[in-house]
PDB file of N, CA and C in Angstrom:
ATOM      1  N   UNK A   1       0.847  -1.180   0.000  1.00  0.00           N
ATOM      2  CA  UNK A   1       0.000   0.000   0.000  1.00  0.00           C
ATOM      3  C   UNK A   1       0.891   1.241   0.000  1.00  0.00           C
ATOM      4  N   UNK A   2       0.613   2.158  -0.876  1.00  0.00           N
ATOM      5  CA  UNK A   2       1.379   3.404  -0.960  1.00  0.00           C
ATOM      6  C   UNK A   2       0.877   4.386   0.092  1.00  0.00           C
ATOM      7  N   UNK A   3       1.814   5.127   0.678  1.00  0.00           N
ATOM      8  CA  UNK A   3       1.451   6.111   1.700  1.00  0.00           C
ATOM      9  C   UNK A   3       1.549   7.522   1.118  1.00  0.00           C
ATOM     10  N   UNK A   4       0.646   8.378   1.574  1.00  0.00           N
ATOM     11  CA  UNK A   4       0.524   9.727   1.066  1.00  0.00           C
ATOM     12  C   UNK A   4       0.576  10.753   2.191  1.00  0.00           C
ATOM     13  N   UNK A   5       1.049  11.941   1.827  1.00  0.00           N
ATOM     14  CA  UNK A   5       0.903  13.143   2.636  1.00  0.00           C
ATOM     15  C   UNK A   5       0.184  14.141   1.736  1.00  0.00           C
ATOM     16  N   UNK A   6      -0.560  15.055   2.337  1.00  0.00           N
ATOM     17  CA  UNK A   6      -1.334  16.025   1.570  1.00  0.00           C
ATOM     18  C   UNK A   6      -1.070  17.420   2.102  1.00  0.00           C
ATOM     19  N   UNK A   7      -0.679  18.314   1.215  1.00  0.00           N
ATOM     20  CA  UNK A   7      -0.476  19.722   1.561  1.00  0.00           C
ATOM     21  C   UNK A   7      -1.597  20.513   0.896  1.00  0.00           C
ATOM     22  N   UNK A   8      -2.328  21.290   1.687  1.00  0.00           N
ATOM     23  CA  UNK A   8      -3.450  22.068   1.162  1.00  0.00           C
ATOM     24  C   UNK A   8      -4.768  21.317   1.296  1.00  0.00           C
ATOM     25  N   UNK A   9      -4.955  20.674   2.438  1.00  0.00           N
ATOM     26  CA  UNK A   9      -6.107  19.806   2.656  1.00  0.00           C
ATOM     27  C   UNK A   9      -7.448  20.532   2.626  1.00  0.00           C
ATOM     28  N   UNK A  10      -7.468  21.843   2.877  1.00  0.00           N
ATOM     29  CA  UNK A  10      -8.727  22.590   2.868  1.00  0.00           C
ATOM     30  C   UNK A  10      -9.020  23.191   1.503  1.00  0.00           C
ATOM     31  N   UNK A  11      -8.124  22.973   0.564  1.00  0.00           N
ATOM     32  CA  UNK A  11      -8.302  23.539  -0.763  1.00  0.00           C
ATOM     33  C   UNK A  11      -9.442  22.895  -1.528  1.00  0.00           C
ATOM     34  N   UNK A  12      -9.857  23.562  -2.571  1.00  0.00           N
ATOM     35  CA  UNK A  12     -11.021  23.121  -3.324  1.00  0.00           C
ATOM     36  C   UNK A  12     -10.764  21.847  -4.117  1.00  0.00           C
ATOM     37  N   UNK A  13      -9.525  21.572  -4.459  1.00  0.00           N
ATOM     38  CA  UNK A  13      -9.203  20.381  -5.243  1.00  0.00           C
ATOM     39  C   UNK A  13      -8.804  19.188  -4.359  1.00  0.00           C
ATOM     40  N   UNK A  14      -8.530  19.408  -3.093  1.00  0.00           N
ATOM     41  CA  UNK A  14      -8.054  18.351  -2.192  1.00  0.00           C
ATOM     42  C   UNK A  14      -9.005  17.151  -2.100  1.00  0.00           C
ATOM     43  N   UNK A  15     -10.326  17.341  -2.048  1.00  0.00           N
ATOM     44  CA  UNK A  15     -11.199  16.154  -1.983  1.00  0.00           C
ATOM     45  C   UNK A  15     -11.022  15.217  -3.182  1.00  0.00           C
ATOM     46  N   UNK A  16     -10.740  15.766  -4.352  1.00  0.00           N
ATOM     47  CA  UNK A  16     -10.504  14.912  -5.519  1.00  0.00           C
ATOM     48  C   UNK A  16      -9.226  14.096  -5.344  1.00  0.00           C
ATOM     49  N   UNK A  17      -8.215  14.709  -4.744  1.00  0.00           N
ATOM     50  CA  UNK A  17      -6.965  13.980  -4.488  1.00  0.00           C
ATOM     51  C   UNK A  17      -7.210  12.855  -3.478  1.00  0.00           C
ATOM     52  N   UNK A  18      -8.011  13.134  -2.444  1.00  0.00           N
ATOM     53  CA  UNK A  18      -8.306  12.100  -1.448  1.00  0.00           C
ATOM     54  C   UNK A  18      -9.077  10.942  -2.070  1.00  0.00           C
ATOM     55  N   UNK A  19     -10.020  11.234  -2.942  1.00  0.00           N
ATOM     56  CA  UNK A  19     -10.766  10.169  -3.624  1.00  0.00           C
ATOM     57  C   UNK A  19      -9.832   9.338  -4.496  1.00  0.00           C
ATOM     58  N   UNK A  20      -8.890   9.997  -5.165  1.00  0.00           N
ATOM     59  CA  UNK A  20      -7.919   9.269  -5.987  1.00  0.00           C
ATOM     60  C   UNK A  20      -7.028   8.388  -5.115  1.00  0.00           C
ATOM     61  N   UNK A  21      -6.634   8.879  -3.936  1.00  0.00           N
ATOM     62  CA  UNK A  21      -5.827   8.069  -3.019  1.00  0.00           C
ATOM     63  C   UNK A  21      -6.584   6.805  -2.625  1.00  0.00           C
ATOM     64  N   UNK A  22      -7.869   6.965  -2.331  1.00  0.00           N
ATOM     65  CA  UNK A  22      -8.684   5.798  -1.989  1.00  0.00           C
ATOM     66  C   UNK A  22      -8.801   4.844  -3.174  1.00  0.00           C
ATOM     67  N   UNK A  23      -8.968   5.398  -4.362  1.00  0.00           N
ATOM     68  CA  UNK A  23      -9.151   4.580  -5.563  1.00  0.00           C
ATOM     69  C   UNK A  23      -7.946   3.689  -5.839  1.00  0.00           C
ATOM     70  N   UNK A  24      -6.749   4.162  -5.483  1.00  0.00           N
ATOM     71  CA  UNK A  24      -5.537   3.354  -5.696  1.00  0.00           C
ATOM     72  C   UNK A  24      -5.158   2.571  -4.438  1.00  0.00           C
ATOM     73  N   UNK A  25      -6.089   2.525  -3.480  1.00  0.00           N
ATOM     74  CA  UNK A  25      -5.876   1.803  -2.209  1.00  0.00           C
ATOM     75  C   UNK A  25      -4.703   2.361  -1.416  1.00  0.00           C
ATOM     76  N   UNK A  26      -4.510   3.677  -1.519  1.00  0.00           N
ATOM     77  CA  UNK A  26      -3.449   4.339  -0.778  1.00  0.00           C
ATOM     78  C   UNK A  26      -3.889   4.694   0.628  1.00  0.00           C
ATOM     79  N   UNK A  27      -2.950   5.134   1.426  1.00  0.00           N
ATOM     80  CA  UNK A  27      -3.226   5.512   2.802  1.00  0.00           C
ATOM     81  C   UNK A  27      -2.699   6.920   3.049  1.00  0.00           C
ATOM     82  N   UNK A  28      -3.603   7.837   3.350  1.00  0.00           N
ATOM     83  CA  UNK A  28      -3.202   9.198   3.706  1.00  0.00           C
ATOM     84  C   UNK A  28      -2.738   9.178   5.156  1.00  0.00           C
ATOM     85  N   UNK A  29      -1.448   9.345   5.357  1.00  0.00           N
ATOM     86  CA  UNK A  29      -0.868   9.295   6.703  1.00  0.00           C
ATOM     87  C   UNK A  29      -0.962  10.642   7.414  1.00  0.00           C
ATOM     88  N   UNK A  30      -0.744  11.734   6.656  1.00  0.00           N
ATOM     89  CA  UNK A  30      -0.640  13.042   7.293  1.00  0.00           C
ATOM     90  C   UNK A  30      -1.058  14.128   6.308  1.00  0.00           C
ATOM     91  N   UNK A  31      -1.734  15.156   6.846  1.00  0.00           N
ATOM     92  CA  UNK A  31      -2.202  16.265   6.011  1.00  0.00           C
ATOM     93  C   UNK A  31      -1.903  17.581   6.706  1.00  0.00           C
ATOM     94  N   UNK A  32      -1.779  18.612   5.887  1.00  0.00           N
ATOM     95  CA  UNK A  32      -1.482  19.957   6.398  1.00  0.00           C
ATOM     96  C   UNK A  32      -2.334  20.992   5.683  1.00  0.00           C
ATOM     97  N   UNK A  33      -2.824  21.950   6.431  1.00  0.00           N
ATOM     98  CA  UNK A  33      -3.430  23.159   5.900  1.00  0.00           C
ATOM     99  C   UNK A  33      -3.498  24.166   7.047  1.00  0.00           C
ATOM    100  N   UNK A  34      -3.180  25.440   6.767  1.00  0.00           N
ATOM    101  CA  UNK A  34      -3.275  26.427   7.845  1.00  0.00           C
ATOM    102  C   UNK A  34      -4.710  26.651   8.320  1.00  0.00           C
ATOM    103  N   UNK A  35      -5.682  26.297   7.495  1.00  0.00           N
ATOM    104  CA  UNK A  35      -7.094  26.407   7.867  1.00  0.00           C
ATOM    105  C   UNK A  35      -7.513  25.092   8.512  1.00  0.00           C
ATOM    106  N   UNK A  36      -8.040  25.163   9.728  1.00  0.00           N
ATOM    107  CA  UNK A  36      -8.349  23.922  10.436  1.00  0.00           C
ATOM    108  C   UNK A  36      -9.790  23.456  10.260  1.00  0.00           C
ATOM    109  N   UNK A  37     -10.544  24.044   9.376  1.00  0.00           N
ATOM    110  CA  UNK A  37     -11.929  23.614   9.166  1.00  0.00           C
ATOM    111  C   UNK A  37     -11.994  22.589   8.032  1.00  0.00           C
ATOM    112  N   UNK A  38     -11.324  21.483   8.249  1.00  0.00           N
ATOM    113  CA  UNK A  38     -11.217  20.450   7.225  1.00  0.00           C
ATOM    114  C   UNK A  38     -11.871  19.178   7.756  1.00  0.00           C
ATOM    115  N   UNK A  39     -13.161  19.058   7.600  1.00  0.00           N
ATOM    116  CA  UNK A  39     -13.859  17.863   8.059  1.00  0.00           C
ATOM    117  C   UNK A  39     -13.828  16.738   7.053  1.00  0.00           C
ATOM    118  N   UNK A  40     -13.485  17.029   5.841  1.00  0.00           N
ATOM    119  CA  UNK A  40     -13.517  16.037   4.762  1.00  0.00           C
ATOM    120  C   UNK A  40     -12.494  14.925   4.953  1.00  0.00           C
ATOM    121  N   UNK A  41     -11.386  15.215   5.598  1.00  0.00           N
ATOM    122  CA  UNK A  41     -10.334  14.206   5.784  1.00  0.00           C
ATOM    123  C   UNK A  41     -10.882  13.009   6.557  1.00  0.00           C
ATOM    124  N   UNK A  42     -11.636  13.280   7.620  1.00  0.00           N
ATOM    125  CA  UNK A  42     -12.164  12.206   8.459  1.00  0.00           C
ATOM    126  C   UNK A  42     -13.070  11.255   7.687  1.00  0.00           C
ATOM    127  N   UNK A  43     -13.782  11.775   6.700  1.00  0.00           N
ATOM    128  CA  UNK A  43     -14.687  10.906   5.949  1.00  0.00           C
ATOM    129  C   UNK A  43     -13.924   9.987   4.990  1.00  0.00           C
ATOM    130  N   UNK A  44     -12.711  10.358   4.622  1.00  0.00           N
ATOM    131  CA  UNK A  44     -11.908   9.534   3.723  1.00  0.00           C
ATOM    132  C   UNK A  44     -10.844   8.729   4.466  1.00  0.00           C
ATOM    133  N   UNK A  45     -10.143   9.384   5.377  1.00  0.00           N
ATOM    134  CA  UNK A  45      -9.014   8.753   6.080  1.00  0.00           C
ATOM    135  C   UNK A  45      -9.071   9.147   7.562  1.00  0.00           C
ATOM    136  N   UNK A  46      -9.887   8.455   8.345  1.00  0.00           N
ATOM    137  CA  UNK A  46     -10.070   8.850   9.755  1.00  0.00           C
ATOM    138  C   UNK A  46      -8.813   8.741  10.617  1.00  0.00           C
ATOM    139  N   UNK A  47      -7.821   7.952  10.198  1.00  0.00           N
ATOM    140  CA  UNK A  47      -6.604   7.786  11.006  1.00  0.00           C
ATOM    141  C   UNK A  47      -5.487   8.747  10.621  1.00  0.00           C
ATOM    142  N   UNK A  48      -5.732   9.604   9.630  1.00  0.00           N
ATOM    143  CA  UNK A  48      -4.694  10.544   9.185  1.00  0.00           C
ATOM    144  C   UNK A  48      -4.446  11.604  10.258  1.00  0.00           C
ATOM    145  N   UNK A  49      -3.207  11.977  10.405  1.00  0.00           N
ATOM    146  CA  UNK A  49      -2.851  13.073  11.312  1.00  0.00           C
ATOM    147  C   UNK A  49      -2.994  14.378  10.538  1.00  0.00           C
ATOM    148  N   UNK A  50      -3.456  15.413  11.220  1.00  0.00           N
ATOM    149  CA  UNK A  50      -3.681  16.704  10.565  1.00  0.00           C
ATOM    150  C   UNK A  50      -2.968  17.799  11.345  1.00  0.00           C
ATOM    151  N   UNK A  51      -2.304  18.700  10.602  1.00  0.00           N
ATOM    152  CA  UNK A  51      -1.566  19.798  11.222  1.00  0.00           C
ATOM    153  C   UNK A  51      -1.929  21.118  10.560  1.00  0.00           C
ATOM    154  N   UNK A  52      -1.956  22.170  11.356  1.00  0.00           N
ATOM    155  CA  UNK A  52      -2.186  23.522  10.838  1.00  0.00           C
ATOM    156  C   UNK A  52      -0.891  24.320  10.777  1.00  0.00           C
ATOM    157  N   UNK A  53       0.194  23.735  11.244  1.00  0.00           N
ATOM    158  CA  UNK A  53       1.503  24.386  11.195  1.00  0.00           C
ATOM    159  C   UNK A  53       2.442  23.518  10.371  1.00  0.00           C
ATOM    160  N   UNK A  54       3.070  24.120   9.362  1.00  0.00           N
ATOM    161  CA  UNK A  54       3.937  23.357   8.469  1.00  0.00           C
ATOM    162  C   UNK A  54       5.089  22.703   9.221  1.00  0.00           C
ATOM    163  N   UNK A  55       5.626  23.380  10.223  1.00  0.00           N
ATOM    164  CA  UNK A  55       6.759  22.846  10.976  1.00  0.00           C
ATOM    165  C   UNK A  55       6.387  21.533  11.675  1.00  0.00           C
ATOM    166  N   UNK A  56       5.183  21.466  12.220  1.00  0.00           N
ATOM    167  CA  UNK A  56       4.741  20.236  12.896  1.00  0.00           C
ATOM    168  C   UNK A  56       4.472  19.122  11.886  1.00  0.00           C
ATOM    169  N   UNK A  57       3.925  19.506  10.739  1.00  0.00           N
ATOM    170  CA  UNK A  57       3.707  18.570   9.635  1.00  0.00           C
ATOM    171  C   UNK A  57       5.044  17.972   9.198  1.00  0.00           C
ATOM    172  N   UNK A  58       6.036  18.818   8.992  1.00  0.00           N
ATOM    173  CA  UNK A  58       7.377  18.402   8.596  1.00  0.00           C
ATOM    174  C   UNK A  58       7.978  17.469   9.654  1.00  0.00           C
ATOM    175  N   UNK A  59       7.834  17.844  10.913  1.00  0.00           N
ATOM    176  CA  UNK A  59       8.385  17.038  12.008  1.00  0.00           C
ATOM    177  C   UNK A  59       7.725  15.661  12.053  1.00  0.00           C
ATOM    178  N   UNK A  60       6.419  15.612  11.827  1.00  0.00           N
ATOM    179  CA  UNK A  60       5.706  14.334  11.855  1.00  0.00           C
ATOM    180  C   UNK A  60       6.171  13.416  10.711  1.00  0.00           C
ATOM    181  N   UNK A  61       6.331  13.990   9.532  1.00  0.00           N
ATOM    182  CA  UNK A  61       6.826  13.198   8.401  1.00  0.00           C
ATOM    183  C   UNK A  61       8.227  12.674   8.696  1.00  0.00           C
ATOM    184  N   UNK A  62       9.065  13.494   9.312  1.00  0.00           N
ATOM    185  CA  UNK A  62      10.406  13.049   9.685  1.00  0.00           C
ATOM    186  C   UNK A  62      10.339  11.926  10.716  1.00  0.00           C
ATOM    187  N   UNK A  63       9.408  12.034  11.667  1.00  0.00           N
ATOM    188  CA  UNK A  63       9.233  10.980  12.667  1.00  0.00           C
ATOM    189  C   UNK A  63       8.813   9.671  11.999  1.00  0.00           C
ATOM    190  N   UNK A  64       7.900   9.756  11.031  1.00  0.00           N
ATOM    191  CA  UNK A  64       7.494   8.551  10.298  1.00  0.00           C
ATOM    192  C   UNK A  64       8.688   7.933   9.567  1.00  0.00           C
ATOM    193  N   UNK A  65       9.488   8.776   8.915  1.00  0.00           N
ATOM    194  CA  UNK A  65      10.661   8.297   8.178  1.00  0.00           C
ATOM    195  C   UNK A  65      11.637   7.571   9.106  1.00  0.00           C
ATOM    196  N   UNK A  66      11.866   8.163  10.292  1.00  0.00           N
ATOM    197  CA  UNK A  66      12.793   7.547  11.240  1.00  0.00           C
ATOM    198  C   UNK A  66      12.274   6.210  11.761  1.00  0.00           C
ATOM    199  N   UNK A  67      10.963   6.025  11.756  1.00  0.00           N
ATOM    200  CA  UNK A  67      10.349   4.756  12.150  1.00  0.00           C
ATOM    201  C   UNK A  67      10.323   3.742  11.013  1.00  0.00           C
ATOM    202  N   UNK A  68      10.802   4.160   9.838  1.00  0.00           N
ATOM    203  CA  UNK A  68      10.777   3.277   8.684  1.00  0.00           C
ATOM    204  C   UNK A  68       9.486   3.331   7.892  1.00  0.00           C
ATOM    205  N   UNK A  69       8.658   4.346   8.154  1.00  0.00           N
ATOM    206  CA  UNK A  69       7.373   4.511   7.466  1.00  0.00           C
ATOM    207  C   UNK A  69       7.481   5.671   6.465  1.00  0.00           C
ATOM    208  N   UNK A  70       8.233   5.446   5.423  1.00  0.00           N
ATOM    209  CA  UNK A  70       8.482   6.477   4.408  1.00  0.00           C
ATOM    210  C   UNK A  70       7.184   6.882   3.706  1.00  0.00           C
ATOM    211  N   UNK A  71       7.004   8.168   3.456  1.00  0.00           N
ATOM    212  CA  UNK A  71       5.896   8.673   2.648  1.00  0.00           C
ATOM    213  C   UNK A  71       6.288   8.478   1.183  1.00  0.00           C
ATOM    214  N   UNK A  72       5.428   7.834   0.416  1.00  0.00           N
ATOM    215  CA  UNK A  72       5.715   7.579  -0.992  1.00  0.00           C
ATOM    216  C   UNK A  72       5.385   8.769  -1.884  1.00  0.00           C
ATOM    217  N   UNK A  73       4.266   9.441  -1.588  1.00  0.00           N
ATOM    218  CA  UNK A  73       3.800  10.557  -2.419  1.00  0.00           C
ATOM    219  C   UNK A  73       3.340  11.715  -1.541  1.00  0.00           C
ATOM    220  N   UNK A  74       3.675  12.925  -1.964  1.00  0.00           N
ATOM    221  CA  UNK A  74       3.119  14.130  -1.344  1.00  0.00           C
ATOM    222  C   UNK A  74       2.220  14.766  -2.392  1.00  0.00           C
ATOM    223  N   UNK A  75       0.961  14.860  -2.067  1.00  0.00           N
ATOM    224  CA  UNK A  75      -0.032  15.463  -2.945  1.00  0.00           C
ATOM    225  C   UNK A  75      -0.125  16.951  -2.591  1.00  0.00           C
ATOM    226  N   UNK A  76       0.135  17.801  -3.564  1.00  0.00           N
ATOM    227  CA  UNK A  76       0.252  19.237  -3.313  1.00  0.00           C
ATOM    228  C   UNK A  76      -0.940  19.973  -3.913  1.00  0.00           C
ATOM    229  N   UNK A  77      -1.779  20.509  -3.029  1.00  0.00           N
ATOM    230  CA  UNK A  77      -2.986  21.238  -3.415  1.00  0.00           C
ATOM    231  C   UNK A  77      -2.968  22.641  -2.821  1.00  0.00           C
ATOM    232  N   UNK A  78      -1.801  23.170  -2.615  1.00  0.00           N
ATOM    233  CA  UNK A  78      -1.637  24.492  -2.012  1.00  0.00           C
ATOM    234  C   UNK A  78      -1.780  25.578  -3.078  1.00  0.00           C
ATOM    235  N   UNK A  79      -1.818  26.851  -2.671  1.00  0.00           N
ATOM    236  CA  UNK A  79      -1.871  27.938  -3.664  1.00  0.00           C
ATOM    237  C   UNK A  79      -0.681  27.896  -4.622  1.00  0.00           C
ATOM    238  N   UNK A  80      -0.902  28.358  -5.837  1.00  0.00           N
ATOM    239  CA  UNK A  80       0.099  28.281  -6.909  1.00  0.00           C
ATOM    240  C   UNK A  80       1.477  28.785  -6.512  1.00  0.00           C
ATOM    241  N   UNK A  81       1.539  29.895  -5.773  1.00  0.00           N
ATOM    242  CA  UNK A  81       2.845  30.466  -5.449  1.00  0.00           C
ATOM    243  C   UNK A  81       3.654  29.601  -4.472  1.00  0.00           C
ATOM    244  N   UNK A  82       3.029  28.574  -3.897  1.00  0.00           N
ATOM    245  CA  UNK A  82       3.729  27.683  -2.968  1.00  0.00           C
ATOM    246  C   UNK A  82       4.101  26.345  -3.591  1.00  0.00           C
ATOM    247  N   UNK A  83       3.635  26.069  -4.796  1.00  0.00           N
ATOM    248  CA  UNK A  83       3.887  24.776  -5.425  1.00  0.00           C
ATOM    249  C   UNK A  83       5.372  24.435  -5.493  1.00  0.00           C
ATOM    250  N   UNK A  84       6.184  25.374  -5.926  1.00  0.00           N
ATOM    251  CA  UNK A  84       7.621  25.144  -6.071  1.00  0.00           C
ATOM    252  C   UNK A  84       8.231  24.692  -4.740  1.00  0.00           C
ATOM    253  N   UNK A  85       7.976  25.440  -3.690  1.00  0.00           N
ATOM    254  CA  UNK A  85       8.549  25.119  -2.378  1.00  0.00           C
ATOM    255  C   UNK A  85       8.038  23.778  -1.864  1.00  0.00           C
ATOM    256  N   UNK A  86       6.767  23.505  -2.066  1.00  0.00           N
ATOM    257  CA  UNK A  86       6.209  22.250  -1.570  1.00  0.00           C
ATOM    258  C   UNK A  86       6.693  21.051  -2.385  1.00  0.00           C
ATOM    259  N   UNK A  87       6.895  21.233  -3.680  1.00  0.00           N
ATOM    260  CA  UNK A  87       7.489  20.162  -4.496  1.00  0.00           C
ATOM    261  C   UNK A  87       8.907  19.861  -4.024  1.00  0.00           C
ATOM    262  N   UNK A  88       9.692  20.921  -3.778  1.00  0.00           N
ATOM    263  CA  UNK A  88      11.063  20.715  -3.298  1.00  0.00           C
ATOM    264  C   UNK A  88      11.062  19.997  -1.952  1.00  0.00           C
ATOM    265  N   UNK A  89      10.116  20.351  -1.077  1.00  0.00           N
ATOM    266  CA  UNK A  89       9.985  19.686   0.221  1.00  0.00           C
ATOM    267  C   UNK A  89       9.762  18.177   0.023  1.00  0.00           C
ATOM    268  N   UNK A  90       8.842  17.822  -0.857  1.00  0.00           N
ATOM    269  CA  UNK A  90       8.532  16.414  -1.107  1.00  0.00           C
ATOM    270  C   UNK A  90       9.749  15.674  -1.646  1.00  0.00           C
ATOM    271  N   UNK A  91      10.391  16.259  -2.645  1.00  0.00           N
ATOM    272  CA  UNK A  91      11.524  15.602  -3.293  1.00  0.00           C
ATOM    273  C   UNK A  91      12.712  15.454  -2.349  1.00  0.00           C
ATOM    274  N   UNK A  92      12.973  16.470  -1.533  1.00  0.00           N
ATOM    275  CA  UNK A  92      14.069  16.376  -0.552  1.00  0.00           C
ATOM    276  C   UNK A  92      13.830  15.245   0.436  1.00  0.00           C
ATOM    277  N   UNK A  93      12.558  14.987   0.733  1.00  0.00           N
ATOM    278  CA  UNK A  93      12.224  13.925   1.681  1.00  0.00           C
ATOM    279  C   UNK A  93      12.164  12.540   1.064  1.00  0.00           C
ATOM    280  N   UNK A  94      12.455  12.438  -0.228  1.00  0.00           N
ATOM    281  CA  UNK A  94      12.463  11.147  -0.882  1.00  0.00           C
ATOM    282  C   UNK A  94      11.110  10.684  -1.402  1.00  0.00           C
ATOM    283  N   UNK A  95      10.133  11.568  -1.407  1.00  0.00           N
ATOM    284  CA  UNK A  95       8.796  11.229  -1.916  1.00  0.00           C
ATOM    285  C   UNK A  95       8.624  11.781  -3.325  1.00  0.00           C
ATOM    286  N   UNK A  96       7.707  11.199  -4.059  1.00  0.00           N
ATOM    287  CA  UNK A  96       7.310  11.754  -5.345  1.00  0.00           C
ATOM    288  C   UNK A  96       6.265  12.836  -5.083  1.00  0.00           C
ATOM    289  N   UNK A  97       6.316  13.908  -5.857  1.00  0.00           N
ATOM    290  CA  UNK A  97       5.362  15.007  -5.708  1.00  0.00           C
ATOM    291  C   UNK A  97       4.269  14.886  -6.764  1.00  0.00           C
ATOM    292  N   UNK A  98       3.029  14.952  -6.305  1.00  0.00           N
ATOM    293  CA  UNK A  98       1.878  15.034  -7.198  1.00  0.00           C
ATOM    294  C   UNK A  98       1.346  16.446  -7.026  1.00  0.00           C
ATOM    295  N   UNK A  99       1.477  17.249  -8.078  1.00  0.00           N
ATOM    296  CA  UNK A  99       1.194  18.674  -7.923  1.00  0.00           C
ATOM    297  C   UNK A  99       0.184  19.159  -8.957  1.00  0.00           C
ATOM    298  N   UNK A 100      -0.747  19.955  -8.485  1.00  0.00           N
ATOM    299  CA  UNK A 100      -1.647  20.660  -9.386  1.00  0.00           C
ATOM    300  C   UNK A 100      -0.811  21.650 -10.185  1.00  0.00           C
ATOM    301  N   UNK A 101      -1.256  21.988 -11.356  1.00  0.00           N
ATOM    302  CA  UNK A 101      -0.490  22.938 -12.161  1.00  0.00           C
ATOM    303  C   UNK A 101      -0.785  24.360 -11.704  1.00  0.00           C
ATOM    304  N   UNK A 102       0.116  25.250 -11.877  1.00  0.00           N
ATOM    305  CA  UNK A 102       1.457  25.127 -12.440  1.00  0.00           C
ATOM    306  C   UNK A 102       2.445  24.607 -11.395  1.00  0.00           C
ATOM    307  N   UNK A 103       3.454  23.879 -11.862  1.00  0.00           N
ATOM    308  CA  UNK A 103       4.492  23.416 -10.945  1.00  0.00           C
ATOM    309  C   UNK A 103       5.265  24.593 -10.365  1.00  0.00           C
ATOM    310  N   UNK A 104       5.605  25.546 -11.222  1.00  0.00           N
ATOM    311  CA  UNK A 104       6.338  26.747 -10.816  1.00  0.00           C
ATOM    312  C   UNK A 104       5.712  27.952 -11.499  1.00  0.00           C
ATOM    313  N   UNK A 105       5.920  29.127 -10.928  1.00  0.00           N
ATOM    314  CA  UNK A 105       5.399  30.351 -11.544  1.00  0.00           C
ATOM    315  C   UNK A 105       6.371  30.924 -12.567  1.00  0.00           C
ATOM    316  N   UNK A 106       7.657  30.716 -12.329  1.00  0.00           N
ATOM    317  CA  UNK A 106       8.690  31.221 -13.237  1.00  0.00           C
ATOM    318  C   UNK A 106       9.411  30.051 -13.888  1.00  0.00           C
ATOM    319  N   UNK A 107       9.534  30.051 -15.196  1.00  0.00           N
ATOM    320  CA  UNK A 107      10.137  28.902 -15.893  1.00  0.00           C
ATOM    321  C   UNK A 107      11.536  28.528 -15.393  1.00  0.00           C
ATOM    322  N   UNK A 108      12.311  29.482 -14.947  1.00  0.00           N
ATOM    323  CA  UNK A 108      13.672  29.178 -14.504  1.00  0.00           C
ATOM    324  C   UNK A 108      13.685  28.392 -13.201  1.00  0.00           C
ATOM    325  N   UNK A 109      12.589  28.330 -12.474  1.00  0.00           N
ATOM    326  CA  UNK A 109      12.535  27.559 -11.247  1.00  0.00           C
ATOM    327  C   UNK A 109      12.395  26.054 -11.487  1.00  0.00           C
ATOM    328  N   UNK A 110      12.022  25.672 -12.694  1.00  0.00           N
ATOM    329  CA  UNK A 110      11.844  24.247 -12.986  1.00  0.00           C
ATOM    330  C   UNK A 110      13.179  23.516 -12.950  1.00  0.00           C
ATOM    331  N   UNK A 111      14.281  24.204 -13.257  1.00  0.00           N
ATOM    332  CA  UNK A 111      15.600  23.572 -13.229  1.00  0.00           C
ATOM    333  C   UNK A 111      15.949  23.038 -11.841  1.00  0.00           C
ATOM    334  N   UNK A 112      15.580  23.793 -10.818  1.00  0.00           N
ATOM    335  CA  UNK A 112      15.842  23.341  -9.447  1.00  0.00           C
ATOM    336  C   UNK A 112      15.075  22.072  -9.112  1.00  0.00           C
ATOM    337  N   UNK A 113      13.863  21.981  -9.600  1.00  0.00           N
ATOM    338  CA  UNK A 113      13.084  20.759  -9.359  1.00  0.00           C
ATOM    339  C   UNK A 113      13.655  19.582 -10.140  1.00  0.00           C
ATOM    340  N   UNK A 114      14.102  19.843 -11.352  1.00  0.00           N
ATOM    341  CA  UNK A 114      14.665  18.778 -12.182  1.00  0.00           C
ATOM    342  C   UNK A 114      15.945  18.215 -11.552  1.00  0.00           C
ATOM    343  N   UNK A 115      16.740  19.102 -10.961  1.00  0.00           N
ATOM    344  CA  UNK A 115      17.997  18.647 -10.336  1.00  0.00           C
ATOM    345  C   UNK A 115      17.682  17.759  -9.147  1.00  0.00           C
TER     346      UNK A 115
END
């Protein structure tokens, strides 16, 4: 079973990502959004951990990694101007990034992701 993390859980596209995770028999381990009015997660993945602070989200993912529970995919549903940073976060942690478009706002930023 593939494990997922979700950034931007309160976003308008996030429920579609959660349905896709279920469709592939994935497990959403952890989600983040600064807005804490996200009731939809419980209906899809009741055991997922949820954070409103990115630092705590990051720390939890690191704790999972140290336990041998690597996150396979980070699903990125955050605002466009954050996609680049969130993709880099996923890739640095050894996960594949699934990102809504655009990946980056400036074409020259794609080189950093490619590296």
